[in-house]
PDB file of N, CA and C in Angstrom:
ATOM      1  N   UNK A   1     -79.777 199.618-129.870  1.00  0.00           N
ATOM      2  CA  UNK A   1     -78.391 199.850-130.015  1.00  0.00           C
ATOM      3  C   UNK A   1     -77.630 198.619-130.282  1.00  0.00           C
ATOM      4  N   UNK A   2     -76.806 198.578-131.326  1.00  0.00           N
ATOM      5  CA  UNK A   2     -76.049 197.379-131.514  1.00  0.00           C
ATOM      6  C   UNK A   2     -74.773 197.328-130.635  1.00  0.00           C
ATOM      7  N   UNK A   3     -74.414 196.140-130.298  1.00  0.00           N
ATOM      8  CA  UNK A   3     -73.214 196.004-129.436  1.00  0.00           C
ATOM      9  C   UNK A   3     -71.931 196.337-130.287  1.00  0.00           C
ATOM     10  N   UNK A   4     -71.080 197.082-129.621  1.00  0.00           N
ATOM     11  CA  UNK A   4     -69.896 197.548-130.331  1.00  0.00           C
ATOM     12  C   UNK A   4     -68.788 196.391-130.320  1.00  0.00           C
ATOM     13  N   UNK A   5     -67.915 196.360-131.283  1.00  0.00           N
ATOM     14  CA  UNK A   5     -66.836 195.407-131.323  1.00  0.00           C
ATOM     15  C   UNK A   5     -65.845 195.858-130.319  1.00  0.00           C
ATOM     16  N   UNK A   6     -65.411 194.842-129.597  1.00  0.00           N
ATOM     17  CA  UNK A   6     -64.327 195.221-128.573  1.00  0.00           C
ATOM     18  C   UNK A   6     -62.895 195.200-129.300  1.00  0.00           C
ATOM     19  N   UNK A   7     -62.014 196.039-128.917  1.00  0.00           N
ATOM     20  CA  UNK A   7     -60.652 196.067-129.481  1.00  0.00           C
ATOM     21  C   UNK A   7     -59.773 195.067-128.806  1.00  0.00           C
ATOM     22  N   UNK A   8     -59.778 193.780-129.394  1.00  0.00           N
ATOM     23  CA  UNK A   8     -58.922 192.750-128.820  1.00  0.00           C
ATOM     24  C   UNK A   8     -57.611 192.756-129.479  1.00  0.00           C
ATOM     25  N   UNK A   9     -56.506 192.352-128.771  1.00  0.00           N
ATOM     26  CA  UNK A   9     -55.236 192.225-129.319  1.00  0.00           C
ATOM     27  C   UNK A   9     -55.188 190.914-130.169  1.00  0.00           C
ATOM     28  N   UNK A  10     -54.220 190.878-131.138  1.00  0.00           N
ATOM     29  CA  UNK A  10     -54.187 189.793-131.957  1.00  0.00           C
ATOM     30  C   UNK A  10     -53.734 188.552-131.135  1.00  0.00           C
ATOM     31  N   UNK A  11     -54.166 187.343-131.483  1.00  0.00           N
ATOM     32  CA  UNK A  11     -53.802 186.143-130.693  1.00  0.00           C
ATOM     33  C   UNK A  11     -52.403 185.912-130.636  1.00  0.00           C
ATOM     34  N   UNK A  12     -51.602 186.255-131.716  1.00  0.00           N
ATOM     35  CA  UNK A  12     -50.188 186.047-131.696  1.00  0.00           C
ATOM     36  C   UNK A  12     -49.522 186.896-130.553  1.00  0.00           C
ATOM     37  N   UNK A  13     -49.999 188.089-130.421  1.00  0.00           N
ATOM     38  CA  UNK A  13     -49.524 189.005-129.339  1.00  0.00           C
ATOM     39  C   UNK A  13     -49.824 188.432-127.999  1.00  0.00           C
ATOM     40  N   UNK A  14     -50.911 187.850-127.724  1.00  0.00           N
ATOM     41  CA  UNK A  14     -51.274 187.279-126.465  1.00  0.00           C
ATOM     42  C   UNK A  14     -50.407 186.020-126.248  1.00  0.00           C
ATOM     43  N   UNK A  15     -50.148 185.225-127.282  1.00  0.00           N
ATOM     44  CA  UNK A  15     -49.351 184.062-127.031  1.00  0.00           C
ATOM     45  C   UNK A  15     -47.942 184.456-126.731  1.00  0.00           C
ATOM     46  N   UNK A  16     -47.411 185.376-127.409  1.00  0.00           N
ATOM     47  CA  UNK A  16     -45.912 185.904-127.246  1.00  0.00           C
ATOM     48  C   UNK A  16     -45.850 186.475-125.822  1.00  0.00           C
ATOM     49  N   UNK A  17     -46.830 187.194-125.411  1.00  0.00           N
ATOM     50  CA  UNK A  17     -46.774 187.760-124.044  1.00  0.00           C
ATOM     51  C   UNK A  17     -46.828 186.680-122.961  1.00  0.00           C
ATOM     52  N   UNK A  18     -47.725 185.662-123.187  1.00  0.00           N
ATOM     53  CA  UNK A  18     -47.820 184.655-122.270  1.00  0.00           C
ATOM     54  C   UNK A  18     -46.479 183.798-122.208  1.00  0.00           C
ATOM     55  N   UNK A  19     -45.864 183.597-123.390  1.00  0.00           N
ATOM     56  CA  UNK A  19     -44.582 182.840-123.374  1.00  0.00           C
ATOM     57  C   UNK A  19     -43.465 183.588-122.550  1.00  0.00           C
ATOM     58  N   UNK A  20     -43.408 184.981-122.758  1.00  0.00           N
ATOM     59  CA  UNK A  20     -42.444 185.663-122.036  1.00  0.00           C
ATOM     60  C   UNK A  20     -42.656 185.506-120.489  1.00  0.00           C
ATOM     61  N   UNK A  21     -43.927 185.646-120.119  1.00  0.00           N
ATOM     62  CA  UNK A  21     -44.229 185.541-118.635  1.00  0.00           C
ATOM     63  C   UNK A  21     -43.894 184.198-118.122  1.00  0.00           C
ATOM     64  N   UNK A  22     -44.168 183.144-118.940  1.00  0.00           N
ATOM     65  CA  UNK A  22     -43.920 181.732-118.571  1.00  0.00           C
ATOM     66  C   UNK A  22     -42.418 181.550-118.452  1.00  0.00           C
ATOM     67  N   UNK A  23     -41.625 182.058-119.327  1.00  0.00           N
ATOM     68  CA  UNK A  23     -40.204 181.936-119.296  1.00  0.00           C
ATOM     69  C   UNK A  23     -39.588 182.654-118.053  1.00  0.00           C
ATOM     70  N   UNK A  24     -40.157 183.799-117.686  1.00  0.00           N
ATOM     71  CA  UNK A  24     -39.675 184.446-116.508  1.00  0.00           C
ATOM     72  C   UNK A  24     -39.940 183.610-115.229  1.00  0.00           C
ATOM     73  N   UNK A  25     -41.200 183.078-115.193  1.00  0.00           N
ATOM     74  CA  UNK A  25     -41.554 182.281-114.045  1.00  0.00           C
ATOM     75  C   UNK A  25     -40.612 181.008-114.008  1.00  0.00           C
ATOM     76  N   UNK A  26     -40.385 180.313-115.109  1.00  0.00           N
ATOM     77  CA  UNK A  26     -39.527 179.170-115.201  1.00  0.00           C
ATOM     78  C   UNK A  26     -38.147 179.530-114.717  1.00  0.00           C
ATOM     79  N   UNK A  27     -37.620 180.735-115.170  1.00  0.00           N
ATOM     80  CA  UNK A  27     -36.327 181.167-114.754  1.00  0.00           C
ATOM     81  C   UNK A  27     -36.158 181.258-113.272  1.00  0.00           C
ATOM     82  N   UNK A  28     -37.190 181.865-112.622  1.00  0.00           N
ATOM     83  CA  UNK A  28     -37.096 182.119-111.179  1.00  0.00           C
ATOM     84  C   UNK A  28     -37.292 180.743-110.469  1.00  0.00           C
ATOM     85  N   UNK A  29     -38.073 179.843-110.981  1.00  0.00           N
ATOM     86  CA  UNK A  29     -38.261 178.501-110.346  1.00  0.00           C
ATOM     87  C   UNK A  29     -36.863 177.787-110.412  1.00  0.00           C
ATOM     88  N   UNK A  30     -36.204 177.808-111.570  1.00  0.00           N
ATOM     89  CA  UNK A  30     -34.927 177.182-111.762  1.00  0.00           C
ATOM     90  C   UNK A  30     -33.891 177.783-110.797  1.00  0.00           C
ATOM     91  N   UNK A  31     -33.926 179.030-110.735  1.00  0.00           N
ATOM     92  CA  UNK A  31     -32.948 179.812-109.827  1.00  0.00           C
ATOM     93  C   UNK A  31     -33.143 179.516-108.419  1.00  0.00           C
ATOM     94  N   UNK A  32     -34.344 179.299-107.999  1.00  0.00           N
ATOM     95  CA  UNK A  32     -34.658 179.008-106.530  1.00  0.00           C
ATOM     96  C   UNK A  32     -34.175 177.584-106.191  1.00  0.00           C
ATOM     97  N   UNK A  33     -34.658 176.589-107.033  1.00  0.00           N
ATOM     98  CA  UNK A  33     -34.535 175.264-106.665  1.00  0.00           C
ATOM     99  C   UNK A  33     -33.303 174.574-107.227  1.00  0.00           C
ATOM    100  N   UNK A  34     -32.729 175.088-108.273  1.00  0.00           N
ATOM    101  CA  UNK A  34     -31.553 174.501-108.931  1.00  0.00           C
ATOM    102  C   UNK A  34     -30.509 175.658-109.151  1.00  0.00           C
ATOM    103  N   UNK A  35     -30.013 176.150-108.140  1.00  0.00           N
ATOM    104  CA  UNK A  35     -29.015 177.286-108.313  1.00  0.00           C
ATOM    105  C   UNK A  35     -27.693 176.881-109.031  1.00  0.00           C
ATOM    106  N   UNK A  36     -27.369 175.577-108.927  1.00  0.00           N
ATOM    107  CA  UNK A  36     -26.131 175.125-109.539  1.00  0.00           C
ATOM    108  C   UNK A  36     -26.215 175.220-111.052  1.00  0.00           C
ATOM    109  N   UNK A  37     -27.373 175.151-111.586  1.00  0.00           N
ATOM    110  CA  UNK A  37     -27.558 175.392-113.036  1.00  0.00           C
ATOM    111  C   UNK A  37     -26.938 176.641-113.534  1.00  0.00           C
ATOM    112  N   UNK A  38     -27.007 177.742-112.752  1.00  0.00           N
ATOM    113  CA  UNK A  38     -26.503 179.038-113.134  1.00  0.00           C
ATOM    114  C   UNK A  38     -25.212 179.439-112.651  1.00  0.00           C
ATOM    115  N   UNK A  39     -24.551 178.520-111.942  1.00  0.00           N
ATOM    116  CA  UNK A  39     -23.174 178.785-111.445  1.00  0.00           C
ATOM    117  C   UNK A  39     -22.161 179.037-112.524  1.00  0.00           C
ATOM    118  N   UNK A  40     -22.322 178.360-113.610  1.00  0.00           N
ATOM    119  CA  UNK A  40     -21.335 178.474-114.684  1.00  0.00           C
ATOM    120  C   UNK A  40     -21.470 179.727-115.563  1.00  0.00           C
ATOM    121  N   UNK A  41     -22.526 180.462-115.331  1.00  0.00           N
ATOM    122  CA  UNK A  41     -22.809 181.679-116.060  1.00  0.00           C
ATOM    123  C   UNK A  41     -21.829 182.851-115.662  1.00  0.00           C
ATOM    124  N   UNK A  42     -21.407 183.581-116.660  1.00  0.00           N
ATOM    125  CA  UNK A  42     -20.620 184.793-116.358  1.00  0.00           C
ATOM    126  C   UNK A  42     -21.409 185.891-115.650  1.00  0.00           C
ATOM    127  N   UNK A  43     -20.859 186.361-114.542  1.00  0.00           N
ATOM    128  CA  UNK A  43     -21.594 187.359-113.739  1.00  0.00           C
ATOM    129  C   UNK A  43     -21.168 188.730-114.019  1.00  0.00           C
ATOM    130  N   UNK A  44     -20.119 188.859-114.847  1.00  0.00           N
ATOM    131  CA  UNK A  44     -19.640 190.268-115.227  1.00  0.00           C
ATOM    132  C   UNK A  44     -18.671 190.810-114.211  1.00  0.00           C
ATOM    133  N   UNK A  45     -18.013 190.021-113.426  1.00  0.00           N
ATOM    134  CA  UNK A  45     -17.088 190.408-112.478  1.00  0.00           C
ATOM    135  C   UNK A  45     -15.913 190.986-113.213  1.00  0.00           C
ATOM    136  N   UNK A  46     -15.294 191.995-112.628  1.00  0.00           N
ATOM    137  CA  UNK A  46     -14.168 192.628-113.189  1.00  0.00           C
ATOM    138  C   UNK A  46     -12.899 191.714-112.972  1.00  0.00           C
ATOM    139  N   UNK A  47     -12.174 191.345-113.976  1.00  0.00           N
ATOM    140  CA  UNK A  47     -10.973 190.536-113.845  1.00  0.00           C
ATOM    141  C   UNK A  47      -9.767 191.346-114.301  1.00  0.00           C
ATOM    142  N   UNK A  48      -8.591 191.008-113.666  1.00  0.00           N
ATOM    143  CA  UNK A  48      -7.407 191.822-114.188  1.00  0.00           C
ATOM    144  C   UNK A  48      -6.990 191.365-115.606  1.00  0.00           C
ATOM    145  N   UNK A  49      -6.546 192.335-116.363  1.00  0.00           N
ATOM    146  CA  UNK A  49      -6.010 192.043-117.645  1.00  0.00           C
ATOM    147  C   UNK A  49      -4.551 191.756-117.668  1.00  0.00           C
ATOM    148  N   UNK A  50      -4.158 190.540-118.168  1.00  0.00           N
ATOM    149  CA  UNK A  50      -2.747 190.217-118.123  1.00  0.00           C
ATOM    150  C   UNK A  50      -1.861 191.090-118.881  1.00  0.00           C
ATOM    151  N   UNK A  51      -0.656 191.403-118.342  1.00  0.00           N
ATOM    152  CA  UNK A  51       0.366 192.347-119.063  1.00  0.00           C
ATOM    153  C   UNK A  51       1.006 191.464-120.087  1.00  0.00           C
ATOM    154  N   UNK A  52       1.175 192.095-121.301  1.00  0.00           N
ATOM    155  CA  UNK A  52       1.789 191.401-122.392  1.00  0.00           C
ATOM    156  C   UNK A  52       3.132 191.944-122.625  1.00  0.00           C
TER     157      UNK A  52
END
């Protein structure tokens, strides 16, 4: 019996998936050890609309 070919994902798909995982890990690392980096980001808090 001949060995069957395994169904492997494309190398580009593997690289993209690894990059996404790496970016998530880096984000959590930065958020834990350098929280001041993310202080300037908009958090989506509701602000009053000024009357015109």
